[in-house]
Amino acid sequence: MDAGGDRVIVRAGASPAEVRDAATRHEIRRAAVWLGMACAIALVVLLVQPLLIIFAGLVFAALLDGGVRLLGRVLPIGRSWRLLIVCLLTITFLFGTFYLAGVQITAQVQQLRSTVETQALRVSGWLSAQGLMPGASDLNGLAKQAMSSVGRVTSWLGTAAGALTSGFMIVVLGLFIAIDPRGYERGLQWMVPERHRVEFAVTVSRMAQTLRRLLAGRLLGMALEGVLTAIALWLVGVPMALILGILTGLLAFIPNIGAFISGALMVAVGFSAGVHTGVLAIVVYVVVQTFDGYVVIPMVAKRTVDLPPALTLGAQILASALFGIMGLALADPMTAIIKAAMERRSENVEEGQGEG
């Protein structure tokens, strides 16, 4: 009887939608799991652009957090004030650098562009004359075909508006996360089953520490390589030494590939001023890269993250093929945190075997 006094009738027997066989229910659950994984992968593919922006925001937040922690060693003040000081110092450095050298940098950027275009045409013409490269018309056709085949994943980077919007969102995300990282960490832990939260917290802490060390090492290497390159090129008389030093420092954030690109720019600019200057540019590139590879990188790796070169290069190739320029720039942070998580997992397995 229900509350109104009416008689409730319950039908007996199995429902047409009910599966009573245990084996069948088990297979249905397995199929549901695989279907859910397929849907999750498809969702990641569809949302790859915002996911990359979110990850870049996490990287920027780790960079700010590292500066806040470093400043906390000398200034015993609140975290919010230290974060404000770090942000102000960063903005002051960027605006001061570009204000003091803005006119020179702008002029050198325009000169560098025309110089590289001229040198590229000369090299392509010589290769075409030797039969090692298609002609100019064929090159134009290949370039158009390559540009038309660029996927939708990286097409958003082709416009200045998209790049500025993405950069703004990365900065805002990084600032919000850096203001209260513990709050976001608690939110992540809440989404994990309670029995796994301790291990999850330890793993996340390891990943964050690894990321901070990696970024600290990258910044130190970028500063040293950029300054050394600019001074050395200026001493040997290579034109546009300032902009080449700045580009070398920025490209040093991407190991291996960044060094190759900056070296190609140095050589192109050097030979534009003469054979003697071009040879000196090659010497500068070799000396700087040798010093960076045998002195700076080992010194930084001891205190930061030691990523094998083959692993780094392979990750960069895969990330650039899948996600474009943004993937190439974020390949090292991705590899570092994955490596930290796998090392933590390996430690747990070894501890379990030891207890057994």
Protein backbone atom coordinates (compact mmCIF):
# COMPACT_ATOMS: atom_id res chain seq x y z
CA MET A 1 0.00 0.00 0.00
CA ASP A 2 1.25 3.53 -0.74
CA ALA A 3 0.60 6.70 1.28
CA GLY A 4 -2.67 7.38 -0.52
CA GLY A 5 -4.13 3.96 0.26
CA ASP A 6 -3.88 2.68 -3.32
CA ARG A 7 -2.62 -0.81 -3.90
CA VAL A 8 0.87 -1.07 -5.44
CA ILE A 9 1.39 -3.94 -7.86
CA VAL A 10 4.94 -5.14 -8.58
CA ARG A 11 5.41 -7.27 -11.65
CA ALA A 12 7.40 -10.47 -11.27
CA GLY A 13 9.88 -11.92 -13.75
CA ALA A 14 13.00 -10.70 -15.52
CA SER A 15 13.07 -7.44 -17.44
CA PRO A 16 13.94 -7.55 -21.14
CA ALA A 17 16.82 -5.15 -20.40
CA GLU A 18 18.14 -7.18 -17.46
CA VAL A 19 21.16 -9.41 -17.95
CA ARG A 20 21.32 -12.16 -15.35
CA ASP A 21 24.20 -14.13 -16.78
CA ALA A 22 27.39 -13.26 -14.85
CA ALA A 23 29.71 -13.84 -17.82
CA THR A 24 27.60 -11.59 -20.03
CA ARG A 25 27.58 -8.81 -17.42
CA HIS A 26 31.36 -9.08 -17.10
CA GLU A 27 31.82 -8.73 -20.86
CA ILE A 28 29.47 -5.76 -20.95
CA ARG A 29 31.49 -4.02 -18.24
CA ARG A 30 34.71 -4.69 -20.15
CA ALA A 31 33.17 -3.31 -23.33
CA ALA A 32 31.99 -0.24 -21.42
CA VAL A 33 35.53 0.36 -20.13
CA TRP A 34 37.04 0.12 -23.61
CA LEU A 35 34.32 2.36 -25.03
CA GLY A 36 34.97 4.90 -22.28
CA MET A 37 38.69 4.87 -23.04
CA ALA A 38 38.00 5.40 -26.74
CA CYS A 39 35.69 8.32 -25.95
CA ALA A 40 38.32 9.82 -23.60
CA ILE A 41 41.02 9.59 -26.30
CA ALA A 42 38.69 11.18 -28.85
CA LEU A 43 37.90 13.95 -26.34
CA VAL A 44 41.61 14.60 -25.78
CA VAL A 45 42.17 14.84 -29.54
CA LEU A 46 39.31 17.30 -29.90
CA LEU A 47 40.48 19.38 -26.92
CA VAL A 48 44.22 19.25 -27.63
CA GLN A 49 44.52 23.02 -28.09
CA PRO A 50 43.02 24.07 -24.74
CA LEU A 51 44.85 21.18 -23.01
CA LEU A 52 48.17 22.48 -24.32
CA ILE A 53 47.29 25.99 -23.14
CA ILE A 54 46.40 24.64 -19.69
CA PHE A 55 49.66 22.70 -19.50
CA ALA A 56 51.59 25.79 -20.60
CA GLY A 57 49.83 27.69 -17.81
CA LEU A 58 51.00 25.03 -15.34
CA VAL A 59 54.55 25.42 -16.63
CA PHE A 60 54.38 29.19 -16.21
CA ALA A 61 52.93 28.73 -12.71
CA ALA A 62 55.83 26.41 -11.83
CA LEU A 63 58.23 29.07 -13.08
CA LEU A 64 56.62 31.72 -10.88
CA ASP A 65 56.45 29.33 -7.93
CA GLY A 66 60.16 28.61 -8.28
CA GLY A 67 60.92 32.32 -8.16
CA VAL A 68 58.68 32.75 -5.11
CA ARG A 69 60.41 29.89 -3.29
CA LEU A 70 63.85 31.25 -4.17
CA LEU A 71 62.90 34.72 -2.97
CA GLY A 72 61.53 33.21 0.25
CA ARG A 73 65.06 32.19 1.24
CA VAL A 74 66.11 35.82 1.60
CA LEU A 75 62.82 37.64 2.29
CA PRO A 76 60.71 36.27 5.18
CA ILE A 77 57.45 37.82 3.97
CA GLY A 78 54.11 36.43 2.84
CA ARG A 79 53.79 34.37 -0.33
CA SER A 80 51.48 36.90 -2.00
CA TRP A 81 54.00 39.69 -1.56
CA ARG A 82 56.82 37.53 -2.89
CA LEU A 83 54.73 36.61 -5.93
CA LEU A 84 54.01 40.29 -6.53
CA ILE A 85 57.73 41.09 -6.34
CA VAL A 86 58.57 38.29 -8.81
CA CYS A 87 55.93 39.51 -11.27
CA LEU A 88 57.09 43.12 -10.98
CA LEU A 89 60.73 42.14 -11.47
CA THR A 90 59.84 40.10 -14.54
CA ILE A 91 57.79 42.89 -16.08
CA THR A 92 60.46 45.47 -15.26
CA PHE A 93 63.19 43.35 -16.84
CA LEU A 94 61.21 42.70 -20.04
CA PHE A 95 60.04 46.27 -20.52
CA GLY A 96 63.41 47.70 -19.52
CA THR A 97 65.29 45.48 -21.95
CA PHE A 98 63.04 46.20 -24.89
CA TYR A 99 62.78 49.90 -24.05
CA LEU A 100 66.52 50.43 -23.84
CA ALA A 101 67.32 48.35 -26.90
CA GLY A 102 63.97 48.53 -28.64
CA VAL A 103 65.00 50.64 -31.61
CA GLN A 104 68.16 48.62 -32.20
CA ILE A 105 66.32 45.31 -31.83
CA THR A 106 63.56 46.38 -34.24
CA ALA A 107 66.06 47.48 -36.86
CA GLN A 108 68.07 44.29 -36.46
CA VAL A 109 64.96 42.12 -36.73
CA GLN A 110 64.09 43.66 -40.09
CA GLN A 111 67.70 43.37 -41.25
CA LEU A 112 67.90 39.76 -40.03
CA ARG A 113 64.78 38.82 -41.96
CA SER A 114 66.03 40.24 -45.24
CA THR A 115 69.50 38.74 -44.70
CA VAL A 116 68.15 35.26 -44.01
CA GLU A 117 65.84 35.43 -47.04
CA THR A 118 68.72 36.49 -49.28
CA GLN A 119 71.02 33.76 -47.98
CA ALA A 120 68.28 31.15 -48.31
CA LEU A 121 67.72 32.11 -51.93
CA ARG A 122 71.44 31.89 -52.63
CA VAL A 123 71.72 28.43 -51.05
CA SER A 124 68.62 27.12 -52.80
CA GLY A 125 69.86 28.52 -56.12
CA TRP A 126 73.25 26.82 -55.70
CA LEU A 127 71.59 23.52 -54.75
CA SER A 128 69.25 23.77 -57.74
CA ALA A 129 72.21 24.42 -60.05
CA GLN A 130 73.90 21.30 -58.70
CA GLY A 131 70.74 19.23 -59.25
CA LEU A 132 70.34 18.59 -55.53
CA MET A 133 67.13 20.56 -55.10
CA PRO A 134 63.99 21.32 -57.17
CA GLY A 135 63.74 24.57 -59.04
CA ALA A 136 62.13 27.73 -57.74
CA SER A 137 58.77 26.98 -59.33
CA ASP A 138 58.79 23.47 -57.91
CA LEU A 139 59.72 24.86 -54.53
CA ASN A 140 56.79 27.26 -54.61
CA GLY A 141 54.47 24.40 -55.46
CA LEU A 142 55.86 22.25 -52.66
CA ALA A 143 55.58 25.13 -50.20
CA LYS A 144 51.95 25.75 -51.12
CA GLN A 145 51.17 22.06 -50.82
CA ALA A 146 52.88 21.85 -47.43
CA MET A 147 51.06 24.90 -46.14
CA SER A 148 47.71 23.56 -47.31
CA SER A 149 48.32 20.26 -45.53
CA VAL A 150 48.93 21.77 -42.12
CA GLY A 151 46.43 20.21 -39.70
CA ARG A 152 43.84 22.00 -37.71
CA VAL A 153 45.81 21.29 -34.52
CA THR A 154 48.43 23.93 -35.32
CA SER A 155 46.40 26.23 -37.56
CA TRP A 156 45.45 28.44 -34.61
CA LEU A 157 49.08 29.43 -34.20
CA GLY A 158 49.20 30.92 -37.67
CA THR A 159 47.59 34.22 -36.70
CA ALA A 160 49.02 36.86 -34.41
CA ALA A 161 45.65 37.25 -32.70
CA GLY A 162 45.56 33.55 -31.83
CA ALA A 163 49.11 33.62 -30.49
CA LEU A 164 48.45 36.72 -28.37
CA THR A 165 45.20 35.29 -27.04
CA SER A 166 46.87 32.00 -26.17
CA GLY A 167 49.76 33.81 -24.47
CA PHE A 168 47.34 35.93 -22.45
CA MET A 169 45.41 32.87 -21.30
CA ILE A 170 48.65 31.09 -20.36
CA VAL A 171 49.78 34.06 -18.25
CA VAL A 172 46.39 34.39 -16.52
CA LEU A 173 46.20 30.66 -15.79
CA GLY A 174 49.73 30.65 -14.46
CA LEU A 175 49.07 33.62 -12.18
CA PHE A 176 45.87 32.11 -10.75
CA ILE A 177 47.57 28.78 -10.07
CA ALA A 178 50.67 30.42 -8.59
CA ILE A 179 48.57 32.52 -6.21
CA ASP A 180 47.08 29.45 -4.47
CA PRO A 181 48.73 26.22 -5.65
CA ARG A 182 47.68 24.31 -2.53
CA GLY A 183 44.02 24.95 -3.27
CA TYR A 184 44.25 23.42 -6.73
CA GLU A 185 46.30 20.53 -5.35
CA ARG A 186 43.58 19.79 -2.78
CA GLY A 187 41.00 19.85 -5.55
CA LEU A 188 42.97 17.29 -7.55
CA GLN A 189 43.39 15.07 -4.50
CA TRP A 190 39.65 15.18 -3.87
CA MET A 191 39.06 13.67 -7.33
CA VAL A 192 41.29 10.67 -6.48
CA PRO A 193 40.01 7.70 -4.43
CA GLU A 194 40.88 8.13 -0.77
CA ARG A 195 43.10 5.05 -0.58
CA HIS A 196 45.35 6.47 -3.33
CA ARG A 197 45.54 10.09 -2.17
CA VAL A 198 48.77 9.80 -0.22
CA GLU A 199 50.62 8.25 -3.15
CA PHE A 200 49.01 10.76 -5.52
CA ALA A 201 50.14 13.69 -3.35
CA VAL A 202 53.72 12.38 -3.22
CA THR A 203 53.81 11.83 -6.99
CA VAL A 204 52.43 15.31 -7.73
CA SER A 205 54.98 16.84 -5.36
CA ARG A 206 57.79 15.01 -7.16
CA MET A 207 56.50 16.13 -10.55
CA ALA A 208 56.22 19.77 -9.42
CA GLN A 209 59.73 19.72 -7.95
CA THR A 210 61.11 18.21 -11.15
CA LEU A 211 59.37 20.84 -13.26
CA ARG A 212 60.71 23.69 -11.11
CA ARG A 213 64.25 22.34 -11.35
CA LEU A 214 63.98 21.87 -15.09
CA LEU A 215 62.78 25.42 -15.63
CA ALA A 216 65.44 26.86 -13.32
CA GLY A 217 68.12 25.06 -15.29
CA ARG A 218 66.62 26.16 -18.59
CA LEU A 219 66.57 29.82 -17.53
CA LEU A 220 70.16 29.69 -16.36
CA GLY A 221 71.29 28.02 -19.57
CA MET A 222 69.31 30.47 -21.70
CA ALA A 223 70.86 33.47 -19.96
CA LEU A 224 74.43 32.18 -20.19
CA GLU A 225 74.13 31.05 -23.81
CA GLY A 226 72.44 34.25 -24.96
CA VAL A 227 74.96 36.56 -23.26
CA LEU A 228 77.99 34.57 -24.38
CA THR A 229 76.74 34.43 -27.97
CA ALA A 230 76.02 38.15 -28.16
CA ILE A 231 79.42 39.09 -26.70
CA ALA A 232 81.36 36.64 -28.88
CA LEU A 233 79.59 37.68 -32.09
CA TRP A 234 80.14 41.35 -31.27
CA LEU A 235 83.84 40.75 -30.64
CA VAL A 236 84.40 38.98 -33.98
CA GLY A 237 82.39 41.58 -35.90
CA VAL A 238 79.30 39.60 -36.88
CA PRO A 239 76.39 41.95 -37.69
CA MET A 240 73.23 41.97 -35.56
CA ALA A 241 75.01 40.43 -32.57
CA LEU A 242 72.38 41.66 -30.11
CA ILE A 243 69.34 40.14 -31.81
CA LEU A 244 71.26 36.93 -32.53
CA GLY A 245 72.16 36.67 -28.85
CA ILE A 246 68.55 37.22 -27.81
CA LEU A 247 67.28 34.63 -30.30
CA THR A 248 69.95 32.14 -29.20
CA GLY A 249 68.94 32.59 -25.57
CA LEU A 250 65.24 32.15 -26.36
CA LEU A 251 65.82 29.13 -28.59
CA ALA A 252 67.97 27.53 -25.87
CA PHE A 253 64.68 26.70 -24.11
CA ILE A 254 64.31 23.96 -26.76
CA PRO A 255 67.52 21.87 -26.61
CA ASN A 256 69.00 20.30 -29.74
CA ILE A 257 66.57 21.82 -32.25
CA GLY A 258 66.88 25.35 -30.85
CA ALA A 259 70.68 25.21 -31.04
CA PHE A 260 70.52 24.07 -34.67
CA ILE A 261 68.18 26.92 -35.64
CA SER A 262 70.24 29.58 -33.85
CA GLY A 263 73.43 28.21 -35.43
CA ALA A 264 71.92 28.39 -38.90
CA LEU A 265 70.95 32.03 -38.29
CA MET A 266 74.47 32.89 -37.06
CA VAL A 267 76.13 31.31 -40.09
CA ALA A 268 73.71 32.95 -42.53
CA VAL A 269 74.28 36.40 -41.05
CA GLY A 270 78.02 35.86 -40.81
CA PHE A 271 78.45 34.89 -44.47
CA SER A 272 76.30 37.86 -45.49
CA ALA A 273 79.16 40.05 -44.24
CA GLY A 274 81.89 38.01 -45.94
CA VAL A 275 83.54 34.62 -45.94
CA HIS A 276 85.93 35.56 -43.14
CA THR A 277 83.08 36.72 -40.90
CA GLY A 278 81.08 33.60 -41.76
CA VAL A 279 83.93 31.34 -40.69
CA LEU A 280 84.25 33.31 -37.44
CA ALA A 281 80.50 32.88 -36.86
CA ILE A 282 80.92 29.10 -37.25
CA VAL A 283 83.80 29.19 -34.76
CA VAL A 284 81.68 31.16 -32.28
CA TYR A 285 78.81 28.70 -32.65
CA VAL A 286 81.08 25.70 -32.08
CA VAL A 287 82.80 27.27 -29.08
CA VAL A 288 79.55 28.38 -27.42
CA GLN A 289 77.85 25.05 -28.00
CA THR A 290 80.90 23.16 -26.75
CA PHE A 291 81.04 25.28 -23.61
CA ASP A 292 77.31 24.86 -23.15
CA GLY A 293 77.43 21.09 -23.70
CA TYR A 294 80.48 20.29 -21.59
CA VAL A 295 80.27 22.93 -18.85
CA VAL A 296 76.85 24.55 -18.50
CA ILE A 297 74.57 21.56 -19.13
CA PRO A 298 76.46 19.09 -16.85
CA MET A 299 76.66 21.74 -14.12
CA VAL A 300 72.96 22.49 -14.36
CA ALA A 301 71.96 18.82 -14.74
CA LYS A 302 73.55 17.94 -11.41
CA ARG A 303 71.22 20.33 -9.61
CA THR A 304 68.16 20.05 -11.84
CA VAL A 305 66.89 17.26 -14.14
CA ASP A 306 69.15 14.97 -16.14
CA LEU A 307 67.21 14.06 -19.29
CA PRO A 308 68.98 11.77 -21.79
CA PRO A 309 69.59 13.62 -25.08
CA ALA A 310 68.06 10.86 -27.24
CA LEU A 311 64.92 10.83 -25.08
CA THR A 312 64.66 14.61 -25.27
CA LEU A 313 65.09 14.72 -29.04
CA GLY A 314 62.64 11.87 -29.60
CA ALA A 315 60.03 13.58 -27.42
CA GLN A 316 60.52 16.84 -29.31
CA ILE A 317 60.05 15.13 -32.68
CA LEU A 318 56.87 13.37 -31.55
CA ALA A 319 55.44 16.45 -29.81
CA SER A 320 56.15 18.74 -32.77
CA ALA A 321 54.57 16.25 -35.20
CA LEU A 322 51.46 15.86 -33.05
CA PHE A 323 50.98 19.35 -31.59
CA GLY A 324 53.09 21.73 -33.68
CA ILE A 325 55.14 24.61 -32.28
CA MET A 326 53.46 24.57 -28.88
CA GLY A 327 54.14 20.86 -28.52
CA LEU A 328 57.79 21.38 -29.45
CA ALA A 329 58.19 24.09 -26.79
CA LEU A 330 56.49 21.96 -24.12
CA ALA A 331 58.12 18.64 -25.02
CA ASP A 332 60.80 18.84 -22.32
CA PRO A 333 58.42 19.70 -19.43
CA MET A 334 56.10 16.88 -20.53
CA THR A 335 58.98 14.41 -20.66
CA ALA A 336 60.34 15.54 -17.29
CA ILE A 337 57.09 15.11 -15.37
CA ILE A 338 56.33 11.77 -17.05
CA LYS A 339 59.83 10.60 -16.12
CA ALA A 340 59.30 11.72 -12.51
CA ALA A 341 55.97 9.86 -12.31
CA MET A 342 57.48 6.68 -13.77
CA GLU A 343 60.45 6.84 -11.38
CA ARG A 344 58.05 7.16 -8.45
CA ARG A 345 56.12 4.15 -9.73
CA SER A 346 59.36 2.20 -10.04
CA GLU A 347 60.24 3.07 -6.43
CA ASN A 348 56.88 1.74 -5.26
CA VAL A 349 57.39 -1.52 -7.17
CA GLU A 350 60.87 -1.97 -5.68
CA GLU A 351 59.55 -1.27 -2.19
CA GLY A 352 56.79 -3.83 -2.70
CA GLN A 353 59.26 -6.45 -3.88
CA GLY A 354 61.53 -5.70 -0.92
CA GLU A 355 58.69 -6.15 1.55
CA GLY A 356 57.68 -9.37 -0.19
